[in-house]
């Protein structure tokens, strides 16, 4: 059976980034530099507020709800 194109792209990316799936690479980065991702997400949040001045509250709310839902289903 032919593999989907997105799967080929994903495998091509992570095979060049250490030969492991990106979730493992991200986990290792988070263990090595625990403040990296909170600072990146803070920067993204500041960028969203600056660019979308009037609608930033709805965007941040959507990100928070998505994060909560993601954590609820993380262990399954």
C-alpha atoms as a PDB file:
ATOM      1  CA  UNK A   1       0.000   0.000   0.000  1.00  0.00           C
ATOM      2  CA  UNK A   2       1.261   3.478  -0.851  1.00  0.00           C
ATOM      3  CA  UNK A   3       2.184   5.678   2.128  1.00  0.00           C
ATOM      4  CA  UNK A   4       0.465   9.069   2.457  1.00  0.00           C
ATOM      5  CA  UNK A   5       2.589  12.055   1.465  1.00  0.00           C
ATOM      6  CA  UNK A   6       2.385  13.631   4.924  1.00  0.00           C
ATOM      7  CA  UNK A   7       3.812  10.465   6.472  1.00  0.00           C
ATOM      8  CA  UNK A   8       6.717  10.530   4.003  1.00  0.00           C
ATOM      9  CA  UNK A   9       7.461  14.174   4.852  1.00  0.00           C
ATOM     10  CA  UNK A  10       7.299  13.509   8.591  1.00  0.00           C
ATOM     11  CA  UNK A  11       9.665  10.549   8.333  1.00  0.00           C
ATOM     12  CA  UNK A  12      12.053  12.535   6.123  1.00  0.00           C
ATOM     13  CA  UNK A  13      12.153  15.331   8.717  1.00  0.00           C
ATOM     14  CA  UNK A  14      12.719  13.198  11.805  1.00  0.00           C
ATOM     15  CA  UNK A  15      15.209  10.904  10.119  1.00  0.00           C
ATOM     16  CA  UNK A  16      17.392  13.984   9.575  1.00  0.00           C
ATOM     17  CA  UNK A  17      16.843  15.269  13.136  1.00  0.00           C
ATOM     18  CA  UNK A  18      18.398  12.370  14.984  1.00  0.00           C
ATOM     19  CA  UNK A  19      16.613   9.355  13.529  1.00  0.00           C
ATOM     20  CA  UNK A  20      13.844   9.384  16.126  1.00  0.00           C
ATOM     21  CA  UNK A  21      10.269  10.674  16.058  1.00  0.00           C
ATOM     22  CA  UNK A  22       9.912  14.372  16.835  1.00  0.00           C
ATOM     23  CA  UNK A  23       8.056  13.717  20.081  1.00  0.00           C
ATOM     24  CA  UNK A  24      11.185  12.033  21.496  1.00  0.00           C
ATOM     25  CA  UNK A  25      13.409  14.848  20.253  1.00  0.00           C
ATOM     26  CA  UNK A  26      11.122  17.440  21.871  1.00  0.00           C
ATOM     27  CA  UNK A  27      11.016  15.440  25.120  1.00  0.00           C
ATOM     28  CA  UNK A  28      14.819  15.286  25.233  1.00  0.00           C
ATOM     29  CA  UNK A  29      15.093  19.019  24.539  1.00  0.00           C
ATOM     30  CA  UNK A  30      12.603  19.715  27.316  1.00  0.00           C
ATOM     31  CA  UNK A  31      14.632  17.627  29.767  1.00  0.00           C
ATOM     32  CA  UNK A  32      17.883  19.313  28.740  1.00  0.00           C
ATOM     33  CA  UNK A  33      16.556  22.914  28.720  1.00  0.00           C
ATOM     34  CA  UNK A  34      13.379  23.048  30.827  1.00  0.00           C
ATOM     35  CA  UNK A  35      12.757  26.763  30.244  1.00  0.00           C
ATOM     36  CA  UNK A  36      13.101  26.618  26.440  1.00  0.00           C
ATOM     37  CA  UNK A  37       9.513  25.777  25.560  1.00  0.00           C
ATOM     38  CA  UNK A  38       7.803  28.058  28.119  1.00  0.00           C
ATOM     39  CA  UNK A  39       9.925  30.947  26.796  1.00  0.00           C
ATOM     40  CA  UNK A  40       9.106  30.049  23.176  1.00  0.00           C
ATOM     41  CA  UNK A  41       5.392  29.888  23.964  1.00  0.00           C
ATOM     42  CA  UNK A  42       5.594  33.166  25.867  1.00  0.00           C
ATOM     43  CA  UNK A  43       7.211  34.750  22.809  1.00  0.00           C
ATOM     44  CA  UNK A  44       4.484  33.342  20.558  1.00  0.00           C
ATOM     45  CA  UNK A  45       1.862  34.723  22.947  1.00  0.00           C
ATOM     46  CA  UNK A  46       3.432  38.185  22.923  1.00  0.00           C
ATOM     47  CA  UNK A  47       3.599  38.051  19.123  1.00  0.00           C
ATOM     48  CA  UNK A  48      -0.102  37.123  18.919  1.00  0.00           C
ATOM     49  CA  UNK A  49      -1.060  40.034  21.190  1.00  0.00           C
ATOM     50  CA  UNK A  50       1.000  42.496  19.142  1.00  0.00           C
ATOM     51  CA  UNK A  51      -0.270  41.332  15.726  1.00  0.00           C
ATOM     52  CA  UNK A  52      -3.930  40.629  16.556  1.00  0.00           C
ATOM     53  CA  UNK A  53      -4.604  43.560  18.872  1.00  0.00           C
ATOM     54  CA  UNK A  54      -8.386  43.333  19.009  1.00  0.00           C
ATOM     55  CA  UNK A  55      -8.886  39.557  18.728  1.00  0.00           C
ATOM     56  CA  UNK A  56      -6.000  38.320  20.866  1.00  0.00           C
ATOM     57  CA  UNK A  57      -8.231  37.253  23.769  1.00  0.00           C
ATOM     58  CA  UNK A  58     -10.108  34.746  21.603  1.00  0.00           C
ATOM     59  CA  UNK A  59      -6.887  33.355  20.142  1.00  0.00           C
ATOM     60  CA  UNK A  60      -5.320  32.901  23.576  1.00  0.00           C
ATOM     61  CA  UNK A  61      -8.540  31.298  24.850  1.00  0.00           C
ATOM     62  CA  UNK A  62      -8.472  28.824  21.957  1.00  0.00           C
ATOM     63  CA  UNK A  63      -4.832  27.951  22.719  1.00  0.00           C
ATOM     64  CA  UNK A  64      -5.600  27.424  26.428  1.00  0.00           C
ATOM     65  CA  UNK A  65      -8.613  25.213  25.689  1.00  0.00           C
ATOM     66  CA  UNK A  66      -6.576  23.206  23.170  1.00  0.00           C
ATOM     67  CA  UNK A  67      -3.787  22.783  25.698  1.00  0.00           C
ATOM     68  CA  UNK A  68      -6.186  21.565  28.392  1.00  0.00           C
ATOM     69  CA  UNK A  69      -7.838  19.098  26.013  1.00  0.00           C
ATOM     70  CA  UNK A  70      -4.417  17.913  24.843  1.00  0.00           C
ATOM     71  CA  UNK A  71      -3.327  17.218  28.429  1.00  0.00           C
ATOM     72  CA  UNK A  72      -6.542  15.355  29.220  1.00  0.00           C
ATOM     73  CA  UNK A  73      -6.030  12.918  26.334  1.00  0.00           C
ATOM     74  CA  UNK A  74      -2.197  12.726  26.587  1.00  0.00           C
ATOM     75  CA  UNK A  75      -2.140   9.437  28.485  1.00  0.00           C
ATOM     76  CA  UNK A  76      -4.444   7.480  26.192  1.00  0.00           C
END
